[in-house]
Amino acid sequence: MRTRLQNNKEQIFCEWRHRWVRLTPEEWVRQQLLHQMVEQLGYPASLIAVETAITVGEAKKRCDAVVYSASMQPLVLIECKAETVPLTQKTLEFVYMETILTLLDSLDTPTFYGVNNNNIQCLKNQHPDVRVVARGYQIKVTGSDAAVKHFETSLRLCEQFCIRNNRLTEQDILMLLHGDKPHEQATDNLILHGVNGKSIYARSTNQQALVKAYEENDLLFAVGPAGSGKTYTAIALAVRALKNREVRRIILSRPAVEAGEKLGFLPGDMKEKIDPYLQPLYDALQDMIPGTKLTEFMEKGTIQIAPLAFMRGRTLADAVVILDEAQNTTALQLKMFLTRLGLGGKMIVTGDMTQIDLPPTQKSGLRDALERFQGIKGIKIIEFNEKDIVRHPLVKKIVAAYGN
């Protein structure tokens, strides 16, 4: 359906063309200078309407020329302040600018835009002087230079809040734009905000020690009983680094070793065969990254989950690499894994020495590594205990009973 605005623009164009036939040579030169001036400004002007009027806000304003873009958007209003001044020196008044703003790729756009695009509509309502069209990671904004800059400032404010807290509501937007601070959880021991703004903290003493050691070392070993949050904290640190653009990838790995059972042949392709072994890693990621964003990251290879056997030959640079259940690796397997570390990368190795599923005659690679790497600069070993267990209260008692 054709809009009234489009019809008006075409009418202006037709009137200008009829008038152009009757232009005097002097006026023809004037028109050529207008075109040259627009080209010097760098605008892709497919249309200049001469001696016309345009609505700015609620007022209708007469001008010497209006420059339109190829998409029929008014870009520049040219107004001659004095006829006696040569054209090249006359004042240009910029009325409409068409700008494309790109959102950060670490932003989850469904969360940012809100249900039924309510968030972006709320943002538009607070800036009535601009026209906004949002699609994916790009937002096209049309309006005056000052209005576009004001909108971009508000947009970036909301964008940073959404990335930091993994949530954005209309109330948050209104509070941010009016200078108030939306409610945020206390940041003591906070690692990041998960799905729907859920706060993920380092809850125990050794979890906090792991967070601190991550900042100071490139290779970490987190060893301790089940339920102490070793893997969950490690993945939270990796997701935080990815969101903060400190690394380009997250790589999660586990040895595909059965817990004392012989499952036999598993149906499906390679991914379907190994997914059951890697499910705990998926569970943690789903707590921290919205579903659509997690799927996008995995399709692009930004987050990779693979069994240990697939690590040979790789150089893992600019990545956080996590090896879970490392007690089920052999010494040769763990050596192979640790030597994958590349420049700008960090590694976290987690395991529980009381849950080794290797044959009794086979020494755990994790036990071997802990003996070898004591006191080496750049490598930190964090030993968790029963006090760090954050699962059901009975888990602590169960671990203690088996320990005795």
Protein backbone atom coordinates (compact mmCIF):
# COMPACT_ATOMS: atom_id res chain seq x y z
CA MET A 1 0.00 0.00 0.00
CA ARG A 2 1.37 3.41 -0.94
CA THR A 3 1.59 5.91 1.86
CA ARG A 4 0.54 9.55 1.67
CA LEU A 5 4.18 10.52 2.31
CA GLN A 6 5.33 8.60 -0.75
CA ASN A 7 2.62 10.18 -2.92
CA ASN A 8 3.54 13.65 -1.66
CA LYS A 9 7.19 13.10 -2.48
CA GLU A 10 6.36 11.94 -5.98
CA GLN A 11 4.06 14.94 -6.44
CA ILE A 12 6.86 17.28 -5.34
CA PHE A 13 9.18 15.55 -7.78
CA CYS A 14 6.71 15.93 -10.66
CA GLU A 15 6.11 19.60 -9.87
CA TRP A 16 9.84 20.18 -9.75
CA ARG A 17 10.30 18.49 -13.13
CA HIS A 18 7.60 20.67 -14.75
CA ARG A 19 9.21 23.75 -13.21
CA TRP A 20 12.64 22.66 -14.43
CA VAL A 21 11.46 23.03 -18.07
CA ARG A 22 10.80 26.74 -17.45
CA LEU A 23 14.02 27.45 -15.55
CA THR A 24 16.14 30.32 -16.77
CA PRO A 25 19.81 29.58 -17.47
CA GLU A 26 20.70 31.27 -14.21
CA GLU A 27 18.30 29.00 -12.30
CA TRP A 28 19.63 25.97 -14.16
CA VAL A 29 23.14 26.80 -12.93
CA ARG A 30 21.70 27.17 -9.45
CA GLN A 31 20.22 23.71 -9.61
CA GLN A 32 23.53 22.23 -10.81
CA LEU A 33 25.29 23.84 -7.87
CA LEU A 34 22.74 22.28 -5.53
CA HIS A 35 23.55 18.85 -6.95
CA GLN A 36 27.27 19.45 -6.66
CA MET A 37 26.89 20.59 -3.07
CA VAL A 38 24.93 17.46 -2.17
CA GLU A 39 27.57 15.25 -3.79
CA GLN A 40 30.31 17.02 -1.83
CA LEU A 41 28.39 16.25 1.37
CA GLY A 42 28.65 12.56 0.50
CA TYR A 43 24.93 11.79 0.31
CA PRO A 44 23.56 9.24 -2.20
CA ALA A 45 20.98 11.75 -3.41
CA SER A 46 18.66 10.28 -5.97
CA LEU A 47 16.27 13.21 -5.68
CA ILE A 48 16.43 16.94 -4.94
CA ALA A 49 13.14 18.81 -4.58
CA VAL A 50 13.68 22.53 -5.27
CA GLU A 51 11.62 25.40 -3.81
CA THR A 52 9.31 23.24 -1.75
CA ALA A 53 8.08 22.75 1.81
CA ILE A 54 8.62 19.98 4.32
CA THR A 55 7.13 19.15 7.70
CA VAL A 56 9.67 19.30 10.54
CA GLY A 57 8.12 18.07 13.78
CA GLU A 58 4.70 19.73 13.74
CA ALA A 59 5.69 22.77 11.70
CA LYS A 60 5.67 23.08 7.92
CA LYS A 61 8.80 24.78 6.69
CA ARG A 62 9.58 26.27 3.28
CA CYS A 63 13.04 25.70 1.89
CA ASP A 64 15.04 26.02 -1.30
CA ALA A 65 15.70 22.30 -1.62
CA VAL A 66 15.23 18.98 0.13
CA VAL A 67 17.63 16.09 -0.51
CA TYR A 68 16.12 12.60 -0.42
CA SER A 69 17.96 9.30 -0.21
CA ALA A 70 17.47 6.39 -2.57
CA SER A 71 14.92 4.97 -0.12
CA MET A 72 12.91 8.22 -0.33
CA GLN A 73 13.91 9.39 3.15
CA PRO A 74 14.47 13.16 3.57
CA LEU A 75 18.12 13.68 4.49
CA VAL A 76 19.00 17.37 4.25
CA LEU A 77 17.07 20.61 4.07
CA ILE A 78 18.90 23.38 2.16
CA GLU A 79 17.73 26.86 3.03
CA CYS A 80 19.10 30.06 1.52
CA LYS A 81 19.34 32.62 4.31
CA ALA A 82 20.02 35.52 1.93
CA GLU A 83 19.60 35.68 -1.83
CA THR A 84 22.55 38.03 -2.18
CA VAL A 85 25.00 35.49 -0.73
CA PRO A 86 26.62 33.18 -3.31
CA LEU A 87 25.14 29.71 -3.18
CA THR A 88 28.32 27.97 -2.18
CA GLN A 89 28.40 30.06 1.01
CA LYS A 90 24.75 29.66 1.99
CA THR A 91 23.80 27.92 5.19
CA LEU A 92 22.90 24.25 5.16
CA GLU A 93 20.44 23.10 7.83
CA PHE A 94 20.51 19.37 8.47
CA VAL A 95 17.00 18.20 9.25
CA TYR A 96 16.91 14.44 8.75
CA MET A 97 19.78 11.98 9.03
CA GLU A 98 19.51 8.26 8.29
CA THR A 99 21.83 6.24 10.53
CA ILE A 100 22.25 2.49 11.03
CA LEU A 101 23.21 1.44 14.57
CA THR A 102 24.66 -2.03 15.12
CA LEU A 103 24.08 -3.89 18.38
CA LEU A 104 26.86 -5.87 20.06
CA ASP A 105 26.89 -9.55 19.08
CA SER A 106 27.05 -10.56 22.76
CA LEU A 107 23.53 -9.15 23.19
CA ASP A 108 20.54 -11.51 23.19
CA THR A 109 18.18 -9.65 20.84
CA PRO A 110 14.91 -11.36 21.92
CA THR A 111 15.61 -10.28 25.51
CA PHE A 112 16.60 -6.78 24.36
CA TYR A 113 13.57 -6.23 22.11
CA GLY A 114 11.16 -7.82 24.60
CA VAL A 115 7.96 -9.77 24.07
CA ASN A 116 6.19 -8.46 20.94
CA ASN A 117 8.99 -5.86 20.64
CA ASN A 118 7.61 -4.05 23.69
CA ASN A 119 11.04 -2.86 24.83
CA ILE A 120 12.06 -1.27 21.54
CA GLN A 121 8.56 0.27 21.26
CA CYS A 122 8.98 1.77 24.74
CA LEU A 123 12.34 3.20 23.68
CA LYS A 124 10.77 4.67 20.53
CA ASN A 125 7.96 6.25 22.55
CA GLN A 126 10.55 8.09 24.62
CA HIS A 127 12.08 9.54 21.43
CA PRO A 128 9.16 10.74 19.27
CA ASP A 129 11.45 12.87 17.09
CA VAL A 130 13.04 9.85 15.39
CA ARG A 131 11.78 7.06 13.20
CA VAL A 132 13.11 3.62 14.20
CA VAL A 133 13.17 0.37 12.24
CA ALA A 134 14.79 -2.58 14.05
CA ARG A 135 15.78 -5.86 12.44
CA GLY A 136 18.17 -8.34 14.02
CA TYR A 137 21.34 -6.63 15.17
CA GLN A 138 20.76 -3.50 13.08
CA ILE A 139 18.55 -0.53 13.96
CA LYS A 140 17.88 2.15 11.33
CA VAL A 141 17.19 5.56 12.85
CA THR A 142 15.95 8.60 10.90
CA GLY A 143 15.75 12.05 12.44
CA SER A 144 17.69 15.21 13.16
CA ASP A 145 21.36 14.87 14.00
CA ALA A 146 20.75 15.81 17.65
CA ALA A 147 17.73 13.51 17.97
CA VAL A 148 19.62 10.54 16.48
CA LYS A 149 22.56 11.08 18.85
CA HIS A 150 20.17 11.31 21.82
CA PHE A 151 18.47 8.07 20.76
CA GLU A 152 21.82 6.30 20.35
CA THR A 153 22.89 7.36 23.85
CA SER A 154 19.69 5.87 25.28
CA LEU A 155 20.04 2.73 23.15
CA ARG A 156 23.61 2.06 24.33
CA LEU A 157 22.57 2.60 27.94
CA CYS A 158 19.86 -0.05 27.62
CA GLU A 159 22.16 -2.34 25.62
CA GLN A 160 24.85 -2.36 28.33
CA PHE A 161 22.25 -2.95 31.06
CA CYS A 162 20.80 -5.91 29.13
CA ILE A 163 24.23 -7.48 28.52
CA ARG A 164 25.24 -7.01 32.14
CA ASN A 165 22.01 -8.27 33.71
CA ASN A 166 20.65 -10.58 30.98
CA ARG A 167 17.26 -8.89 31.33
CA LEU A 168 15.49 -5.73 30.17
CA THR A 169 11.96 -4.60 30.98
CA GLU A 170 9.97 -1.48 30.14
CA GLN A 171 10.37 -0.36 33.74
CA ASP A 172 14.15 -0.77 33.46
CA ILE A 173 14.15 1.36 30.28
CA LEU A 174 12.10 4.16 31.86
CA MET A 175 14.31 4.22 34.95
CA LEU A 176 17.51 4.26 32.87
CA LEU A 177 16.27 7.10 30.64
CA HIS A 178 15.10 9.20 33.60
CA GLY A 179 18.42 8.89 35.39
CA ASP A 180 17.27 6.37 38.00
CA LYS A 181 19.15 3.15 38.68
CA PRO A 182 17.12 -0.02 38.07
CA HIS A 183 17.20 -2.64 40.78
CA GLU A 184 20.31 -4.79 40.52
CA GLN A 185 21.49 -7.56 42.79
CA ALA A 186 24.43 -6.93 45.11
CA THR A 187 27.67 -7.49 43.23
CA ASP A 188 29.66 -9.09 46.05
CA ASN A 189 31.04 -12.38 44.66
CA LEU A 190 28.77 -12.02 41.61
CA ILE A 191 30.13 -13.79 38.53
CA LEU A 192 27.40 -12.93 36.01
CA HIS A 193 23.65 -12.69 35.46
CA GLY A 194 22.10 -15.77 33.91
CA VAL A 195 18.82 -16.33 32.08
CA ASN A 196 16.04 -13.91 33.12
CA GLY A 197 18.54 -11.93 35.18
CA LYS A 198 19.27 -14.77 37.60
CA SER A 199 22.36 -13.87 39.64
CA ILE A 200 25.14 -16.46 39.67
CA TYR A 201 27.49 -16.05 42.62
CA ALA A 202 30.62 -17.70 43.92
CA ARG A 203 28.82 -19.13 46.94
CA SER A 204 31.55 -20.90 48.91
CA THR A 205 35.06 -19.99 50.02
CA ASN A 206 36.76 -22.18 47.43
CA GLN A 207 34.44 -21.05 44.65
CA GLN A 208 35.54 -17.49 45.47
CA ALA A 209 39.16 -18.69 45.49
CA LEU A 210 38.62 -20.19 42.01
CA VAL A 211 37.25 -16.86 40.72
CA LYS A 212 40.26 -14.98 42.10
CA ALA A 213 42.75 -17.55 40.80
CA TYR A 214 41.20 -17.28 37.32
CA GLU A 215 42.24 -13.62 37.14
CA GLU A 216 45.86 -14.44 38.06
CA ASN A 217 46.59 -17.77 36.32
CA ASP A 218 46.15 -19.33 32.89
CA LEU A 219 45.82 -22.96 34.03
CA LEU A 220 43.58 -23.95 36.94
CA PHE A 221 42.83 -27.29 38.56
CA ALA A 222 39.61 -27.45 40.61
CA VAL A 223 39.46 -30.74 42.50
CA GLY A 224 36.89 -31.81 45.04
CA PRO A 225 33.69 -33.71 45.88
CA ALA A 226 30.46 -33.87 43.91
CA GLY A 227 28.14 -30.90 44.30
CA SER A 228 30.82 -28.36 45.23
CA GLY A 229 30.18 -26.24 42.12
CA LYS A 230 33.55 -26.78 40.40
CA THR A 231 32.21 -27.18 36.86
CA TYR A 232 29.36 -24.69 37.27
CA THR A 233 31.69 -21.96 38.51
CA ALA A 234 34.21 -22.71 35.76
CA ILE A 235 31.54 -22.43 33.05
CA ALA A 236 30.22 -19.20 34.62
CA LEU A 237 33.73 -17.72 34.41
CA ALA A 238 33.98 -18.77 30.76
CA VAL A 239 30.59 -17.25 29.85
CA ARG A 240 31.51 -14.01 31.63
CA ALA A 241 34.77 -13.81 29.67
CA LEU A 242 32.87 -14.35 26.40
CA LYS A 243 30.27 -11.68 27.23
CA ASN A 244 33.03 -9.24 28.17
CA ARG A 245 34.77 -9.97 24.84
CA GLU A 246 37.91 -11.16 26.65
CA VAL A 247 37.93 -14.35 24.53
CA ARG A 248 36.43 -15.41 21.22
CA ARG A 249 35.40 -18.99 22.08
CA ILE A 250 34.42 -21.36 24.84
CA ILE A 251 35.45 -25.00 24.45
CA LEU A 252 34.05 -27.60 26.85
CA SER A 253 35.24 -31.19 26.92
CA ARG A 254 34.77 -34.43 28.86
CA PRO A 255 36.18 -37.92 28.49
CA ALA A 256 33.49 -40.29 27.20
CA VAL A 257 33.82 -42.81 30.01
CA GLU A 258 30.84 -44.74 31.41
CA ALA A 259 30.27 -44.68 35.18
CA GLY A 260 30.94 -48.37 35.84
CA GLU A 261 28.42 -49.55 33.22
CA LYS A 262 28.64 -51.06 29.77
CA LEU A 263 26.02 -49.28 27.70
CA GLY A 264 26.99 -51.02 24.48
CA PHE A 265 26.08 -49.62 21.08
CA LEU A 266 24.37 -46.21 21.14
CA PRO A 267 22.08 -45.27 18.23
CA GLY A 268 22.36 -42.12 16.15
CA ASP A 269 25.16 -40.08 14.58
CA MET A 270 28.34 -39.05 16.39
CA LYS A 271 26.72 -36.08 18.12
CA GLU A 272 23.81 -38.18 19.37
CA LYS A 273 26.22 -40.83 20.68
CA ILE A 274 28.32 -38.42 22.74
CA ASP A 275 25.58 -36.00 23.89
CA PRO A 276 24.59 -38.12 26.94
CA TYR A 277 28.15 -37.78 28.28
CA LEU A 278 28.12 -34.01 27.78
CA GLN A 279 24.62 -33.25 29.08
CA PRO A 280 25.83 -31.72 32.41
CA LEU A 281 27.69 -29.07 30.40
CA TYR A 282 24.57 -28.25 28.38
CA ASP A 283 22.58 -27.92 31.62
CA ALA A 284 24.99 -25.33 33.02
CA LEU A 285 25.05 -23.32 29.78
CA GLN A 286 21.25 -23.23 29.62
CA ASP A 287 21.21 -21.55 33.03
CA MET A 288 23.47 -18.76 31.82
CA ILE A 289 22.66 -18.08 28.15
CA PRO A 290 19.15 -17.70 26.65
CA GLY A 291 18.14 -20.57 24.40
CA THR A 292 18.17 -18.74 21.06
CA LYS A 293 21.52 -17.12 21.79
CA LEU A 294 23.01 -20.44 22.95
CA THR A 295 21.86 -22.12 19.73
CA GLU A 296 23.39 -19.28 17.70
CA PHE A 297 26.70 -19.54 19.57
CA MET A 298 26.86 -23.30 19.02
CA GLU A 299 25.98 -23.08 15.33
CA LYS A 300 28.73 -20.48 14.77
CA GLY A 301 31.26 -22.46 16.81
CA THR A 302 31.58 -19.72 19.43
CA ILE A 303 30.74 -22.38 22.02
CA GLN A 304 31.99 -25.89 21.26
CA ILE A 305 31.30 -29.04 23.25
CA ALA A 306 33.37 -32.05 22.26
CA PRO A 307 34.71 -35.29 23.76
CA LEU A 308 38.35 -35.35 24.77
CA ALA A 309 39.27 -37.64 21.86
CA PHE A 310 38.56 -34.80 19.39
CA MET A 311 41.10 -32.40 20.95
CA ARG A 312 44.28 -33.83 19.42
CA GLY A 313 46.00 -31.56 16.90
CA ARG A 314 44.15 -28.39 17.84
CA THR A 315 45.59 -25.08 19.10
CA LEU A 316 43.04 -23.39 21.36
CA ALA A 317 43.92 -19.67 21.30
CA ASP A 318 41.77 -16.78 22.58
CA ALA A 319 39.47 -19.27 24.30
CA VAL A 320 38.44 -20.51 27.71
CA VAL A 321 38.87 -24.29 27.64
CA ILE A 322 37.27 -26.47 30.33
CA LEU A 323 37.93 -30.17 30.87
CA ASP A 324 35.35 -31.75 33.18
CA GLU A 325 35.61 -35.16 34.89
CA ALA A 326 39.36 -35.12 34.37
CA GLN A 327 39.83 -37.94 36.90
CA ASN A 328 38.75 -40.28 34.09
CA THR A 329 41.63 -39.31 31.80
CA THR A 330 44.92 -41.15 31.50
CA ALA A 331 48.22 -39.30 31.93
CA LEU A 332 48.79 -39.30 28.16
CA GLN A 333 45.29 -37.99 27.46
CA LEU A 334 45.65 -35.16 29.96
CA LYS A 335 49.09 -34.25 28.61
CA MET A 336 47.59 -34.11 25.11
CA PHE A 337 44.79 -31.86 26.35
CA LEU A 338 46.95 -29.46 28.36
CA THR A 339 49.34 -28.92 25.45
CA ARG A 340 46.44 -27.58 23.32
CA LEU A 341 46.59 -24.23 25.19
CA GLY A 342 47.24 -21.33 22.81
CA LEU A 343 48.01 -17.62 23.17
CA GLY A 344 45.32 -15.62 24.94
CA GLY A 345 43.72 -18.80 26.26
CA LYS A 346 42.87 -20.10 29.70
CA MET A 347 42.24 -23.66 30.87
CA ILE A 348 40.24 -24.98 33.80
CA VAL A 349 40.46 -28.69 34.66
CA THR A 350 37.91 -30.09 37.10
CA GLY A 351 37.57 -33.51 38.69
CA ASP A 352 36.74 -35.62 41.74
CA MET A 353 39.40 -38.08 42.79
CA THR A 354 36.81 -40.22 44.64
CA GLN A 355 34.85 -40.98 41.44
CA ILE A 356 37.40 -42.55 39.10
CA ASP A 357 35.79 -44.82 36.48
CA LEU A 358 39.05 -46.05 34.91
CA PRO A 359 40.12 -49.72 35.23
CA PRO A 360 41.77 -50.39 38.62
CA THR A 361 45.17 -50.90 37.00
CA GLN A 362 45.07 -47.52 35.25
CA LYS A 363 46.39 -44.44 37.11
CA SER A 364 44.28 -41.30 36.79
CA GLY A 365 45.86 -38.58 34.68
CA LEU A 366 44.45 -35.97 37.06
CA ARG A 367 46.22 -37.53 40.05
CA ASP A 368 49.45 -37.60 38.02
CA ALA A 369 49.06 -33.92 37.04
CA LEU A 370 48.40 -32.77 40.60
CA GLU A 371 51.66 -34.40 41.66
CA ARG A 372 53.63 -32.82 38.81
CA PHE A 373 52.31 -29.23 38.86
CA GLN A 374 52.67 -28.24 42.50
CA GLY A 375 54.29 -24.82 42.90
CA ILE A 376 54.57 -23.91 39.21
CA LYS A 377 53.93 -20.22 38.49
CA GLY A 378 50.89 -19.64 36.31
CA ILE A 379 49.26 -22.89 37.46
CA LYS A 380 46.91 -22.90 40.45
CA ILE A 381 45.33 -25.88 42.19
CA ILE A 382 42.12 -25.24 44.16
CA GLU A 383 41.05 -28.10 46.42
CA PHE A 384 37.33 -28.13 47.27
CA ASN A 385 35.94 -29.98 50.29
CA GLU A 386 32.63 -30.97 51.90
CA LYS A 387 32.06 -27.42 53.17
CA ASP A 388 31.78 -26.20 49.54
CA ILE A 389 28.90 -28.53 48.61
CA VAL A 390 25.90 -26.44 47.48
CA ARG A 391 23.45 -29.17 46.44
CA HIS A 392 20.83 -30.75 48.70
CA PRO A 393 21.94 -30.73 52.38
CA LEU A 394 21.96 -34.54 52.35
CA VAL A 395 24.67 -34.59 49.66
CA LYS A 396 27.16 -33.22 52.18
CA LYS A 397 26.30 -36.04 54.60
CA ILE A 398 26.46 -38.65 51.83
CA VAL A 399 29.93 -37.50 50.75
CA ALA A 400 31.11 -37.51 54.35
CA ALA A 401 29.72 -41.04 54.93
CA TYR A 402 31.49 -42.46 51.87
CA GLY A 403 34.64 -40.59 52.84
CA ASN A 404 34.70 -42.36 56.18
